[in-house]
Structure formats: C-alpha cells, structure tokens
Amino acid sequence: MRKTLVLIACLVIAAPAWADDVPKMTKEEATEYLRENGNLSLDPSNLVLPIMNGDPELLEALLSAGVDVNDPEMIKPALRLAAQSCAGGRVETDTILTVIEVLLAHGAKPNDPSDKELSALMGAVQQCPRPVILRLVKAGADMKFRSSLGYTPLSMAFIVQKLDAAEALIDSGARLSAEAVAKLKDKHTDDARYQALLKKAAAK
C-alpha cells in the first residue's frame, strides 16, 4: 500500500505544469467565446496569431467552432507554426506545449505532407527547448525526415549547435549515418559535449 502511495505521489509531481491548462470547449461554447471576443470568422488564417502568440484559449475556440487545423490554405502547417513560436523565447515553453496539445487534440499532423523542406520537428530543433522537441517526437514527428539537402533533424541540431535538441533526439532513438558523422566530426573539436553526443549519435 505504501509503495502504491509513493508511486501515485511521484506521478502527481511528474505531471507537467501546463497539463491542467489545456482548454476544451463545445462548439456552442466556442461560438459564444468568439462572439464575445470580436466574432472572428472561421477562416484558417485566423489560427496563425493564436498559435504564434501563444493564445491556446482563442485557438481552441476557433478549432472547436469549426476551423480545420490541417486546412491546406494555412500559410504553414499548424505544428510548424507552433515550433516557430519558440524563436527568441517570446512565448513561454509551457504555453507552447499547451498550444501543441490543443492542435494535436484537433488532429494536427506531426508530419504534414506539404512540409517538404522544413518539418515541424526540423524547425523545432533549431529554436525550441527540449520539452517541445520531445512532445513532437511523442506525437509521431518523423526523426528520419530529410530535407532536399539530405539533412535530418538530428544532423541539423549538430549543424546549428543546438546540443540540447541533439541530446533529446538521441535519447529518443535518433541516430546519424556514418556519412553524416564523417562530415560533422571535424567540427567543434574543442567542444567536449558536442563530440560526446556525436559519438553517441553514431552508435547503433
């Protein structure tokens, strides 16, 4: 019994701070919310600002009222916009995670077929903190995605020296090809962490 109580306590402690802040609305509640807050039209372009500025409640209202999270008319796929909101630390990490939860709950694709050059995960490794990267991976983001130049999210993390991102991907099972390791190993030879992670990324 005591072990069970300890396990429950650990699970409570481990729960992310943002988990209780994910808004949920019925279509009626969402419609009323929009009416009270400027009566925004159900246009996919209206998703951009709440994603980029970290407004999960407005985002939930728009999606619950009927906006398609995967509308092809969106300027960029929704989860890539969420990753882009990491830039400059303007939006708090917990808020970005809440936005991602809202998007996923409404069916946002972690691997959008229109993302031929820069997937959500590829964008995230360049500017997002570890929790965001791990959430995208957990959602099914393709760690083997390749850009037209052959870069994977992990190789990009090394190229731009985002070592926390590289470590998150490696811990999630991502690995580099021998060819990629060969291209990267002679860079940043005085950076012990870089070299250690590169060695780990090369392990099968």
N, C-alpha and C. Protein backbone atom coordinates (compact mmCIF):
# COMPACT_ATOMS: atom_id res chain seq x y z
N MET A 1 0.84 -1.21 0.00
CA MET A 1 0.00 0.00 0.00
C MET A 1 0.87 1.25 0.00
N ARG A 2 1.92 1.20 0.83
CA ARG A 2 2.82 2.35 0.93
C ARG A 2 3.51 2.62 -0.40
N LYS A 3 3.94 1.53 -1.08
CA LYS A 3 4.60 1.69 -2.38
C LYS A 3 3.66 2.32 -3.40
N THR A 4 2.38 1.92 -3.33
CA THR A 4 1.38 2.47 -4.25
C THR A 4 1.22 3.97 -4.04
N LEU A 5 1.17 4.37 -2.77
CA LEU A 5 1.01 5.80 -2.44
C LEU A 5 2.21 6.60 -2.92
N VAL A 6 3.41 6.03 -2.77
CA VAL A 6 4.62 6.70 -3.22
C VAL A 6 4.59 6.87 -4.74
N LEU A 7 4.15 5.81 -5.46
CA LEU A 7 4.08 5.87 -6.92
C LEU A 7 3.09 6.93 -7.37
N ILE A 8 1.93 6.99 -6.71
CA ILE A 8 0.92 8.00 -7.05
C ILE A 8 1.48 9.39 -6.82
N ALA A 9 2.18 9.58 -5.71
CA ALA A 9 2.76 10.88 -5.39
C ALA A 9 3.77 11.29 -6.46
N CYS A 10 4.57 10.33 -6.91
CA CYS A 10 5.58 10.62 -7.94
C CYS A 10 4.91 11.02 -9.24
N LEU A 11 3.82 10.33 -9.58
CA LEU A 11 3.11 10.66 -10.81
C LEU A 11 2.52 12.05 -10.75
N VAL A 12 2.01 12.43 -9.58
CA VAL A 12 1.45 13.77 -9.42
C VAL A 12 2.52 14.82 -9.57
N ILE A 13 3.67 14.56 -8.95
CA ILE A 13 4.78 15.51 -9.03
C ILE A 13 5.27 15.63 -10.47
N ALA A 14 5.26 14.48 -11.19
CA ALA A 14 5.81 14.47 -12.54
C ALA A 14 4.87 15.10 -13.57
N ALA A 15 3.62 15.33 -13.21
CA ALA A 15 2.67 15.89 -14.17
C ALA A 15 3.13 17.28 -14.61
N PRO A 16 3.16 17.54 -15.92
CA PRO A 16 3.61 18.86 -16.39
C PRO A 16 2.69 19.97 -15.93
N ALA A 17 3.29 21.12 -15.66
CA ALA A 17 2.54 22.26 -15.12
C ALA A 17 1.44 22.72 -16.04
N TRP A 18 1.65 22.55 -17.35
CA TRP A 18 0.69 23.07 -18.32
C TRP A 18 -0.47 22.13 -18.58
N ALA A 19 -0.39 20.89 -18.04
CA ALA A 19 -1.37 19.87 -18.39
C ALA A 19 -2.80 20.26 -18.02
N ASP A 20 -2.96 20.97 -16.92
CA ASP A 20 -4.30 21.36 -16.47
C ASP A 20 -4.81 22.62 -17.15
N ASP A 21 -3.98 23.23 -17.97
CA ASP A 21 -4.36 24.50 -18.61
C ASP A 21 -4.84 24.34 -20.04
N VAL A 22 -4.93 23.09 -20.52
CA VAL A 22 -5.37 22.86 -21.89
C VAL A 22 -6.88 23.11 -21.98
N PRO A 23 -7.30 24.13 -22.70
CA PRO A 23 -8.74 24.46 -22.77
C PRO A 23 -9.51 23.48 -23.65
N LYS A 24 -10.76 23.24 -23.27
CA LYS A 24 -11.65 22.39 -24.06
C LYS A 24 -13.01 23.06 -24.12
N MET A 25 -13.57 23.16 -25.31
CA MET A 25 -14.86 23.81 -25.50
C MET A 25 -15.75 22.98 -26.40
N THR A 26 -17.06 23.06 -26.14
CA THR A 26 -18.02 22.52 -27.09
C THR A 26 -18.14 23.51 -28.23
N LYS A 27 -18.79 23.11 -29.30
CA LYS A 27 -18.97 24.03 -30.43
C LYS A 27 -19.77 25.25 -30.00
N GLU A 28 -20.76 25.03 -29.14
CA GLU A 28 -21.59 26.14 -28.68
C GLU A 28 -20.77 27.10 -27.83
N GLU A 29 -19.96 26.56 -26.93
CA GLU A 29 -19.12 27.40 -26.08
C GLU A 29 -18.11 28.18 -26.93
N ALA A 30 -17.56 27.51 -27.92
CA ALA A 30 -16.58 28.16 -28.79
C ALA A 30 -17.20 29.29 -29.59
N THR A 31 -18.39 29.06 -30.10
CA THR A 31 -19.08 30.09 -30.88
C THR A 31 -19.39 31.30 -30.01
N GLU A 32 -19.81 31.05 -28.78
CA GLU A 32 -20.11 32.15 -27.86
C GLU A 32 -18.83 32.91 -27.50
N TYR A 33 -17.75 32.18 -27.30
CA TYR A 33 -16.46 32.81 -26.98
C TYR A 33 -16.03 33.74 -28.10
N LEU A 34 -16.15 33.27 -29.33
CA LEU A 34 -15.76 34.10 -30.47
C LEU A 34 -16.66 35.32 -30.60
N ARG A 35 -17.94 35.13 -30.34
CA ARG A 35 -18.88 36.25 -30.41
C ARG A 35 -18.51 37.33 -29.39
N GLU A 36 -18.10 36.90 -28.20
CA GLU A 36 -17.76 37.84 -27.14
C GLU A 36 -16.38 38.46 -27.33
N ASN A 37 -15.58 37.86 -28.19
CA ASN A 37 -14.21 38.34 -28.37
C ASN A 37 -13.93 38.78 -29.81
N GLY A 38 -14.87 39.47 -30.41
CA GLY A 38 -14.64 40.06 -31.71
C GLY A 38 -15.27 39.31 -32.87
N ASN A 39 -15.94 38.16 -32.55
CA ASN A 39 -16.65 37.41 -33.59
C ASN A 39 -15.76 37.10 -34.79
N LEU A 40 -14.59 36.53 -34.53
CA LEU A 40 -13.67 36.18 -35.61
C LEU A 40 -14.30 35.19 -36.57
N SER A 41 -14.04 35.36 -37.85
CA SER A 41 -14.57 34.44 -38.84
C SER A 41 -13.82 33.11 -38.76
N LEU A 42 -14.46 32.07 -39.23
CA LEU A 42 -13.86 30.74 -39.19
C LEU A 42 -12.97 30.54 -40.41
N ASP A 43 -11.96 31.37 -40.46
CA ASP A 43 -11.00 31.34 -41.56
C ASP A 43 -9.69 30.75 -41.03
N PRO A 44 -9.07 29.80 -41.73
CA PRO A 44 -7.83 29.20 -41.22
C PRO A 44 -6.72 30.20 -40.95
N SER A 45 -6.75 31.34 -41.65
CA SER A 45 -5.70 32.35 -41.42
C SER A 45 -5.79 32.92 -40.00
N ASN A 46 -6.97 32.81 -39.39
CA ASN A 46 -7.13 33.33 -38.03
C ASN A 46 -6.49 32.43 -36.97
N LEU A 47 -5.98 31.27 -37.39
CA LEU A 47 -5.27 30.39 -36.45
C LEU A 47 -3.84 30.87 -36.21
N VAL A 48 -3.30 31.61 -37.15
CA VAL A 48 -1.87 31.93 -37.12
C VAL A 48 -1.48 32.72 -35.87
N LEU A 49 -2.19 33.78 -35.57
CA LEU A 49 -1.80 34.62 -34.42
C LEU A 49 -1.93 33.90 -33.08
N PRO A 50 -3.03 33.19 -32.81
CA PRO A 50 -3.07 32.49 -31.52
C PRO A 50 -2.01 31.41 -31.38
N ILE A 51 -1.60 30.81 -32.50
CA ILE A 51 -0.50 29.83 -32.42
C ILE A 51 0.81 30.55 -32.15
N MET A 52 1.11 31.58 -32.93
CA MET A 52 2.38 32.28 -32.83
C MET A 52 2.52 33.09 -31.54
N ASN A 53 1.40 33.62 -31.05
CA ASN A 53 1.44 34.45 -29.84
C ASN A 53 1.13 33.68 -28.56
N GLY A 54 0.82 32.40 -28.71
CA GLY A 54 0.56 31.59 -27.52
C GLY A 54 -0.76 31.92 -26.84
N ASP A 55 -1.85 31.78 -27.59
CA ASP A 55 -3.19 32.03 -27.04
C ASP A 55 -4.02 30.75 -27.23
N PRO A 56 -3.80 29.75 -26.36
CA PRO A 56 -4.47 28.46 -26.55
C PRO A 56 -5.99 28.53 -26.43
N GLU A 57 -6.51 29.47 -25.65
CA GLU A 57 -7.97 29.56 -25.49
C GLU A 57 -8.64 30.01 -26.78
N LEU A 58 -8.10 31.06 -27.39
CA LEU A 58 -8.65 31.51 -28.67
C LEU A 58 -8.46 30.43 -29.73
N LEU A 59 -7.33 29.77 -29.71
CA LEU A 59 -7.07 28.70 -30.66
C LEU A 59 -8.10 27.58 -30.51
N GLU A 60 -8.37 27.19 -29.27
CA GLU A 60 -9.37 26.17 -29.00
C GLU A 60 -10.75 26.60 -29.50
N ALA A 61 -11.08 27.86 -29.29
CA ALA A 61 -12.38 28.37 -29.72
C ALA A 61 -12.53 28.27 -31.24
N LEU A 62 -11.51 28.69 -31.96
CA LEU A 62 -11.56 28.64 -33.42
C LEU A 62 -11.68 27.21 -33.94
N LEU A 63 -10.90 26.32 -33.36
CA LEU A 63 -10.91 24.94 -33.82
C LEU A 63 -12.21 24.23 -33.44
N SER A 64 -12.69 24.47 -32.22
CA SER A 64 -13.94 23.83 -31.78
C SER A 64 -15.14 24.39 -32.53
N ALA A 65 -15.02 25.63 -32.99
CA ALA A 65 -16.12 26.23 -33.74
C ALA A 65 -16.18 25.73 -35.18
N GLY A 66 -15.08 25.10 -35.64
CA GLY A 66 -15.15 24.51 -36.96
C GLY A 66 -13.98 24.74 -37.90
N VAL A 67 -12.97 25.50 -37.50
CA VAL A 67 -11.81 25.70 -38.38
C VAL A 67 -11.01 24.40 -38.48
N ASP A 68 -10.60 24.04 -39.69
CA ASP A 68 -9.83 22.83 -39.92
C ASP A 68 -8.36 23.09 -39.62
N VAL A 69 -7.82 22.38 -38.63
CA VAL A 69 -6.43 22.59 -38.22
C VAL A 69 -5.44 22.23 -39.33
N ASN A 70 -5.88 21.37 -40.26
CA ASN A 70 -5.00 20.95 -41.36
C ASN A 70 -5.41 21.57 -42.69
N ASP A 71 -6.09 22.70 -42.63
CA ASP A 71 -6.54 23.34 -43.87
C ASP A 71 -5.34 23.64 -44.77
N PRO A 72 -5.37 23.19 -46.02
CA PRO A 72 -4.24 23.41 -46.93
C PRO A 72 -3.99 24.87 -47.26
N GLU A 73 -4.95 25.74 -46.92
CA GLU A 73 -4.78 27.16 -47.19
C GLU A 73 -3.96 27.87 -46.10
N MET A 74 -3.65 27.13 -45.02
CA MET A 74 -2.81 27.71 -43.96
C MET A 74 -1.47 28.13 -44.53
N ILE A 75 -0.94 29.25 -44.05
CA ILE A 75 0.34 29.76 -44.55
C ILE A 75 1.47 28.75 -44.31
N LYS A 76 1.40 28.04 -43.19
CA LYS A 76 2.31 26.94 -42.87
C LYS A 76 1.53 25.92 -42.06
N PRO A 77 1.95 24.66 -42.04
CA PRO A 77 1.27 23.69 -41.20
C PRO A 77 1.27 24.13 -39.73
N ALA A 78 0.19 23.80 -39.03
CA ALA A 78 -0.03 24.32 -37.68
C ALA A 78 1.11 24.01 -36.70
N LEU A 79 1.60 22.79 -36.70
CA LEU A 79 2.65 22.44 -35.74
C LEU A 79 3.98 23.09 -36.10
N ARG A 80 4.19 23.39 -37.36
CA ARG A 80 5.41 24.12 -37.73
C ARG A 80 5.33 25.55 -37.22
N LEU A 81 4.13 26.14 -37.27
CA LEU A 81 3.95 27.48 -36.69
C LEU A 81 4.21 27.44 -35.19
N ALA A 82 3.74 26.38 -34.53
CA ALA A 82 3.96 26.26 -33.08
C ALA A 82 5.45 26.19 -32.77
N ALA A 83 6.19 25.43 -33.59
CA ALA A 83 7.65 25.36 -33.40
C ALA A 83 8.29 26.71 -33.65
N GLN A 84 7.79 27.43 -34.63
CA GLN A 84 8.33 28.76 -34.95
C GLN A 84 8.12 29.74 -33.81
N SER A 85 7.07 29.52 -33.01
CA SER A 85 6.79 30.45 -31.90
C SER A 85 7.84 30.37 -30.80
N CYS A 86 8.73 29.36 -30.87
CA CYS A 86 9.82 29.26 -29.89
C CYS A 86 10.87 30.34 -30.08
N ALA A 87 10.95 30.89 -31.27
CA ALA A 87 12.03 31.82 -31.62
C ALA A 87 12.11 32.98 -30.65
N GLY A 88 13.29 33.23 -30.16
CA GLY A 88 13.53 34.37 -29.30
C GLY A 88 13.00 34.24 -27.89
N GLY A 89 12.42 33.09 -27.55
CA GLY A 89 11.89 32.91 -26.19
C GLY A 89 10.75 33.83 -25.86
N ARG A 90 10.07 34.33 -26.89
CA ARG A 90 8.99 35.30 -26.68
C ARG A 90 7.78 34.67 -26.01
N VAL A 91 7.51 33.40 -26.33
CA VAL A 91 6.39 32.68 -25.75
C VAL A 91 6.95 31.63 -24.79
N GLU A 92 6.38 31.55 -23.59
CA GLU A 92 6.87 30.61 -22.59
C GLU A 92 6.69 29.17 -23.07
N THR A 93 7.62 28.32 -22.66
CA THR A 93 7.61 26.92 -23.09
C THR A 93 6.30 26.22 -22.72
N ASP A 94 5.82 26.44 -21.49
CA ASP A 94 4.57 25.79 -21.06
C ASP A 94 3.40 26.21 -21.95
N THR A 95 3.40 27.45 -22.37
CA THR A 95 2.33 27.94 -23.25
C THR A 95 2.42 27.28 -24.62
N ILE A 96 3.63 27.15 -25.14
CA ILE A 96 3.82 26.48 -26.43
C ILE A 96 3.35 25.04 -26.35
N LEU A 97 3.66 24.38 -25.25
CA LEU A 97 3.22 22.99 -25.06
C LEU A 97 1.70 22.90 -25.00
N THR A 98 1.08 23.88 -24.35
CA THR A 98 -0.39 23.90 -24.30
C THR A 98 -0.97 24.08 -25.69
N VAL A 99 -0.39 24.98 -26.47
CA VAL A 99 -0.83 25.21 -27.85
C VAL A 99 -0.70 23.91 -28.64
N ILE A 100 0.42 23.23 -28.48
CA ILE A 100 0.63 21.97 -29.20
C ILE A 100 -0.43 20.94 -28.82
N GLU A 101 -0.77 20.88 -27.53
CA GLU A 101 -1.81 19.93 -27.09
C GLU A 101 -3.15 20.24 -27.74
N VAL A 102 -3.48 21.52 -27.82
CA VAL A 102 -4.74 21.92 -28.47
C VAL A 102 -4.73 21.49 -29.93
N LEU A 103 -3.62 21.76 -30.61
CA LEU A 103 -3.51 21.41 -32.03
C LEU A 103 -3.62 19.89 -32.24
N LEU A 104 -2.92 19.14 -31.42
CA LEU A 104 -2.96 17.68 -31.55
C LEU A 104 -4.35 17.14 -31.25
N ALA A 105 -5.00 17.72 -30.25
CA ALA A 105 -6.35 17.26 -29.89
C ALA A 105 -7.33 17.44 -31.04
N HIS A 106 -7.05 18.41 -31.91
CA HIS A 106 -7.92 18.67 -33.05
C HIS A 106 -7.39 18.04 -34.34
N GLY A 107 -6.39 17.17 -34.20
CA GLY A 107 -5.94 16.39 -35.36
C GLY A 107 -4.80 16.96 -36.16
N ALA A 108 -4.05 17.90 -35.60
CA ALA A 108 -2.90 18.45 -36.33
C ALA A 108 -1.92 17.33 -36.66
N LYS A 109 -1.39 17.37 -37.87
CA LYS A 109 -0.48 16.32 -38.33
C LYS A 109 0.97 16.64 -37.95
N PRO A 110 1.62 15.74 -37.20
CA PRO A 110 3.03 15.99 -36.88
C PRO A 110 3.94 15.89 -38.09
N ASN A 111 3.46 15.19 -39.13
CA ASN A 111 4.22 15.06 -40.38
C ASN A 111 3.31 15.47 -41.53
N ASP A 112 3.27 16.76 -41.79
CA ASP A 112 2.40 17.26 -42.84
C ASP A 112 3.04 17.03 -44.20
N PRO A 113 2.32 16.41 -45.14
CA PRO A 113 2.93 16.13 -46.45
C PRO A 113 3.35 17.38 -47.22
N SER A 114 2.81 18.53 -46.84
CA SER A 114 3.21 19.76 -47.54
C SER A 114 4.55 20.29 -47.03
N ASP A 115 5.02 19.72 -45.90
CA ASP A 115 6.30 20.12 -45.33
C ASP A 115 7.44 19.37 -46.01
N LYS A 116 7.77 19.74 -47.21
CA LYS A 116 8.80 19.01 -47.96
C LYS A 116 10.22 19.46 -47.61
N GLU A 117 10.36 20.66 -47.08
CA GLU A 117 11.69 21.20 -46.82
C GLU A 117 11.98 21.36 -45.33
N LEU A 118 10.96 21.74 -44.56
CA LEU A 118 11.19 22.02 -43.14
C LEU A 118 10.02 21.49 -42.34
N SER A 119 10.17 20.31 -41.77
CA SER A 119 9.09 19.73 -40.96
C SER A 119 8.99 20.46 -39.63
N ALA A 120 7.92 20.20 -38.90
CA ALA A 120 7.75 20.81 -37.57
C ALA A 120 8.94 20.46 -36.67
N LEU A 121 9.36 19.21 -36.71
CA LEU A 121 10.49 18.79 -35.87
C LEU A 121 11.79 19.43 -36.33
N MET A 122 11.97 19.55 -37.63
CA MET A 122 13.18 20.19 -38.15
C MET A 122 13.25 21.65 -37.70
N GLY A 123 12.11 22.31 -37.70
CA GLY A 123 12.07 23.68 -37.21
C GLY A 123 12.31 23.74 -35.72
N ALA A 124 11.74 22.79 -34.99
CA ALA A 124 11.85 22.80 -33.52
C ALA A 124 13.27 22.62 -33.04
N VAL A 125 14.04 21.75 -33.71
CA VAL A 125 15.41 21.50 -33.22
C VAL A 125 16.28 22.74 -33.36
N GLN A 126 15.88 23.66 -34.20
CA GLN A 126 16.69 24.86 -34.40
C GLN A 126 16.37 25.97 -33.41
N GLN A 127 15.20 25.90 -32.75
CA GLN A 127 14.85 27.01 -31.88
C GLN A 127 14.03 26.68 -30.64
N CYS A 128 13.62 25.43 -30.48
CA CYS A 128 12.76 25.08 -29.35
C CYS A 128 13.53 24.36 -28.24
N PRO A 129 13.06 24.48 -26.99
CA PRO A 129 13.67 23.75 -25.88
C PRO A 129 13.31 22.27 -25.92
N ARG A 130 14.02 21.51 -25.16
CA ARG A 130 13.88 20.04 -25.13
C ARG A 130 12.43 19.56 -24.96
N PRO A 131 11.64 20.11 -24.02
CA PRO A 131 10.27 19.58 -23.84
C PRO A 131 9.41 19.66 -25.10
N VAL A 132 9.58 20.70 -25.89
CA VAL A 132 8.80 20.84 -27.12
C VAL A 132 9.23 19.78 -28.13
N ILE A 133 10.52 19.57 -28.25
CA ILE A 133 11.04 18.57 -29.16
C ILE A 133 10.53 17.18 -28.78
N LEU A 134 10.60 16.87 -27.49
CA LEU A 134 10.15 15.56 -27.03
C LEU A 134 8.65 15.38 -27.24
N ARG A 135 7.87 16.45 -27.10
CA ARG A 135 6.42 16.33 -27.30
C ARG A 135 6.11 16.05 -28.76
N LEU A 136 6.83 16.68 -29.66
CA LEU A 136 6.62 16.42 -31.08
C LEU A 136 7.01 14.99 -31.45
N VAL A 137 8.11 14.53 -30.87
CA VAL A 137 8.54 13.14 -31.12
C VAL A 137 7.48 12.17 -30.59
N LYS A 138 6.99 12.44 -29.41
CA LYS A 138 5.95 11.59 -28.82
C LYS A 138 4.69 11.57 -29.69
N ALA A 139 4.41 12.69 -30.33
CA ALA A 139 3.23 12.79 -31.20
C ALA A 139 3.43 12.06 -32.52
N GLY A 140 4.65 11.63 -32.78
CA GLY A 140 4.92 10.89 -34.01
C GLY A 140 5.72 11.62 -35.06
N ALA A 141 6.31 12.76 -34.70
CA ALA A 141 7.13 13.50 -35.66
C ALA A 141 8.27 12.62 -36.16
N ASP A 142 8.49 12.66 -37.45
CA ASP A 142 9.46 11.77 -38.10
C ASP A 142 10.89 12.23 -37.85
N MET A 143 11.62 11.43 -37.06
CA MET A 143 13.01 11.77 -36.77
C MET A 143 13.92 11.45 -37.96
N LYS A 144 13.40 10.74 -38.96
CA LYS A 144 14.19 10.39 -40.13
C LYS A 144 13.88 11.29 -41.33
N PHE A 145 13.07 12.30 -41.10
CA PHE A 145 12.76 13.26 -42.17
C PHE A 145 14.05 13.80 -42.77
N ARG A 146 14.06 13.96 -44.08
CA ARG A 146 15.24 14.52 -44.76
C ARG A 146 14.83 15.71 -45.62
N SER A 147 15.59 16.78 -45.51
CA SER A 147 15.36 17.94 -46.37
C SER A 147 15.91 17.63 -47.75
N SER A 148 15.68 18.54 -48.68
CA SER A 148 16.18 18.32 -50.04
C SER A 148 17.71 18.24 -50.08
N LEU A 149 18.36 18.79 -49.05
CA LEU A 149 19.82 18.73 -48.98
C LEU A 149 20.30 17.51 -48.19
N GLY A 150 19.36 16.70 -47.73
CA GLY A 150 19.72 15.48 -47.03
C GLY A 150 19.87 15.61 -45.53
N TYR A 151 19.52 16.76 -44.97
CA TYR A 151 19.65 16.95 -43.54
C TYR A 151 18.47 16.31 -42.80
N THR A 152 18.78 15.63 -41.70
CA THR A 152 17.76 15.12 -40.80
C THR A 152 17.64 16.09 -39.62
N PRO A 153 16.60 15.96 -38.80
CA PRO A 153 16.52 16.83 -37.61
C PRO A 153 17.77 16.72 -36.73
N LEU A 154 18.29 15.51 -36.57
CA LEU A 154 19.47 15.35 -35.72
C LEU A 154 20.71 15.98 -36.34
N SER A 155 20.93 15.79 -37.63
CA SER A 155 22.10 16.41 -38.24
C SER A 155 21.98 17.93 -38.20
N MET A 156 20.75 18.44 -38.36
CA MET A 156 20.55 19.89 -38.29
C MET A 156 20.86 20.41 -36.89
N ALA A 157 20.48 19.65 -35.87
CA ALA A 157 20.77 20.08 -34.49
C ALA A 157 22.27 20.23 -34.28
N PHE A 158 23.06 19.32 -34.84
CA PHE A 158 24.52 19.44 -34.73
C PHE A 158 25.04 20.61 -35.57
N ILE A 159 24.50 20.79 -36.74
CA ILE A 159 24.97 21.86 -37.62
C ILE A 159 24.79 23.23 -36.97
N VAL A 160 23.64 23.44 -36.32
CA VAL A 160 23.38 24.74 -35.70
C VAL A 160 23.77 24.76 -34.22
N GLN A 161 24.43 23.68 -33.78
CA GLN A 161 24.93 23.56 -32.40
C GLN A 161 23.85 23.72 -31.34
N LYS A 162 22.71 23.10 -31.59
CA LYS A 162 21.66 23.04 -30.58
C LYS A 162 21.80 21.68 -29.88
N LEU A 163 22.69 21.63 -28.92
CA LEU A 163 23.06 20.34 -28.34
C LEU A 163 21.98 19.76 -27.44
N ASP A 164 21.18 20.60 -26.79
CA ASP A 164 20.05 20.08 -26.01
C ASP A 164 19.08 19.36 -26.94
N ALA A 165 18.86 19.95 -28.10
CA ALA A 165 17.97 19.33 -29.10
C ALA A 165 18.57 18.02 -29.59
N ALA A 166 19.86 18.04 -29.88
CA ALA A 166 20.53 16.82 -30.34
C ALA A 166 20.40 15.72 -29.30
N GLU A 167 20.63 16.07 -28.05
CA GLU A 167 20.55 15.08 -26.98
C GLU A 167 19.13 14.52 -26.84
N ALA A 168 18.12 15.39 -26.95
CA ALA A 168 16.73 14.94 -26.87
C ALA A 168 16.42 13.93 -27.96
N LEU A 169 16.89 14.20 -29.18
CA LEU A 169 16.65 13.28 -30.29
C LEU A 169 17.40 11.97 -30.11
N ILE A 170 18.64 12.07 -29.67
CA ILE A 170 19.44 10.85 -29.45
C ILE A 170 18.80 9.99 -28.38
N ASP A 171 18.36 10.63 -27.29
CA ASP A 171 17.70 9.89 -26.21
C ASP A 171 16.40 9.24 -26.68
N SER A 172 15.82 9.81 -27.74
CA SER A 172 14.57 9.26 -28.30
C SER A 172 14.83 8.20 -29.37
N GLY A 173 16.11 7.95 -29.64
CA GLY A 173 16.46 6.89 -30.58
C GLY A 173 17.00 7.32 -31.93
N ALA A 174 17.10 8.62 -32.17
CA ALA A 174 17.62 9.09 -33.46
C ALA A 174 19.12 8.81 -33.55
N ARG A 175 19.56 8.49 -34.75
CA ARG A 175 20.97 8.22 -34.98
C ARG A 175 21.40 8.85 -36.30
N LEU A 176 22.71 9.06 -36.45
CA LEU A 176 23.27 9.62 -37.67
C LEU A 176 23.89 8.52 -38.51
N SER A 177 23.88 8.72 -39.82
CA SER A 177 24.56 7.79 -40.71
C SER A 177 26.07 7.99 -40.58
N ALA A 178 26.82 7.00 -41.00
CA ALA A 178 28.28 7.11 -40.96
C ALA A 178 28.74 8.30 -41.79
N GLU A 179 28.07 8.54 -42.91
CA GLU A 179 28.42 9.66 -43.78
C GLU A 179 28.21 10.99 -43.06
N ALA A 180 27.09 11.13 -42.34
CA ALA A 180 26.82 12.36 -41.61
C ALA A 180 27.83 12.59 -40.49
N VAL A 181 28.16 11.52 -39.79
CA VAL A 181 29.15 11.62 -38.71
C VAL A 181 30.49 12.07 -39.26
N ALA A 182 30.88 11.53 -40.39
CA ALA A 182 32.15 11.90 -41.01
C ALA A 182 32.21 13.38 -41.36
N LYS A 183 31.07 13.93 -41.78
CA LYS A 183 31.03 15.35 -42.15
C LYS A 183 31.05 16.26 -40.92
N LEU A 184 30.61 15.73 -39.79
CA LEU A 184 30.47 16.57 -38.60
C LEU A 184 31.62 16.43 -37.59
N LYS A 185 32.35 15.33 -37.65
CA LYS A 185 33.29 15.03 -36.58
C LYS A 185 34.47 15.99 -36.50
N ASP A 186 34.83 16.64 -37.61
CA ASP A 186 35.97 17.55 -37.60
C ASP A 186 35.58 18.98 -37.21
N LYS A 187 34.32 19.18 -36.90
CA LYS A 187 33.85 20.49 -36.47
C LYS A 187 33.79 20.54 -34.94
N HIS A 188 34.04 21.69 -34.39
CA HIS A 188 33.92 21.92 -32.94
C HIS A 188 34.69 20.85 -32.14
N THR A 189 35.92 20.61 -32.56
CA THR A 189 36.73 19.58 -31.91
C THR A 189 37.07 19.92 -30.47
N ASP A 190 36.95 21.21 -30.11
CA ASP A 190 37.25 21.61 -28.73
C ASP A 190 36.01 21.62 -27.84
N ASP A 191 34.88 21.19 -28.38
CA ASP A 191 33.63 21.16 -27.62
C ASP A 191 33.39 19.71 -27.19
N ALA A 192 33.69 19.43 -25.91
CA ALA A 192 33.61 18.05 -25.41
C ALA A 192 32.20 17.49 -25.49
N ARG A 193 31.21 18.30 -25.19
CA ARG A 193 29.83 17.80 -25.23
C ARG A 193 29.41 17.48 -26.67
N TYR A 194 29.76 18.34 -27.57
CA TYR A 194 29.46 18.11 -28.99
C TYR A 194 30.04 16.77 -29.44
N GLN A 195 31.30 16.56 -29.14
CA GLN A 195 31.96 15.34 -29.58
C GLN A 195 31.38 14.10 -28.90
N ALA A 196 31.03 14.22 -27.63
CA ALA A 196 30.45 13.08 -26.90
C ALA A 196 29.09 12.71 -27.48
N LEU A 197 28.28 13.73 -27.77
CA LEU A 197 26.96 13.47 -28.35
C LEU A 197 27.07 12.91 -29.76
N LEU A 198 28.05 13.41 -30.51
CA LEU A 198 28.25 12.91 -31.87
C LEU A 198 28.63 11.43 -31.83
N LYS A 199 29.46 11.07 -30.89
CA LYS A 199 29.85 9.66 -30.73
C LYS A 199 28.64 8.80 -30.37
N LYS A 200 27.80 9.34 -29.50
CA LYS A 200 26.58 8.61 -29.09
C LYS A 200 25.61 8.50 -30.26
N ALA A 201 25.57 9.53 -31.08
CA ALA A 201 24.67 9.53 -32.25
C ALA A 201 25.12 8.53 -33.30
N ALA A 202 26.40 8.19 -33.28
CA ALA A 202 26.93 7.25 -34.26
C ALA A 202 26.71 5.81 -33.84
N ALA A 203 26.44 5.58 -32.54
CA ALA A 203 26.25 4.23 -32.03
C ALA A 203 24.96 3.62 -32.53
N LYS A 204 24.99 2.38 -32.89
CA LYS A 204 23.79 1.69 -33.39
C LYS A 204 23.07 0.98 -32.26
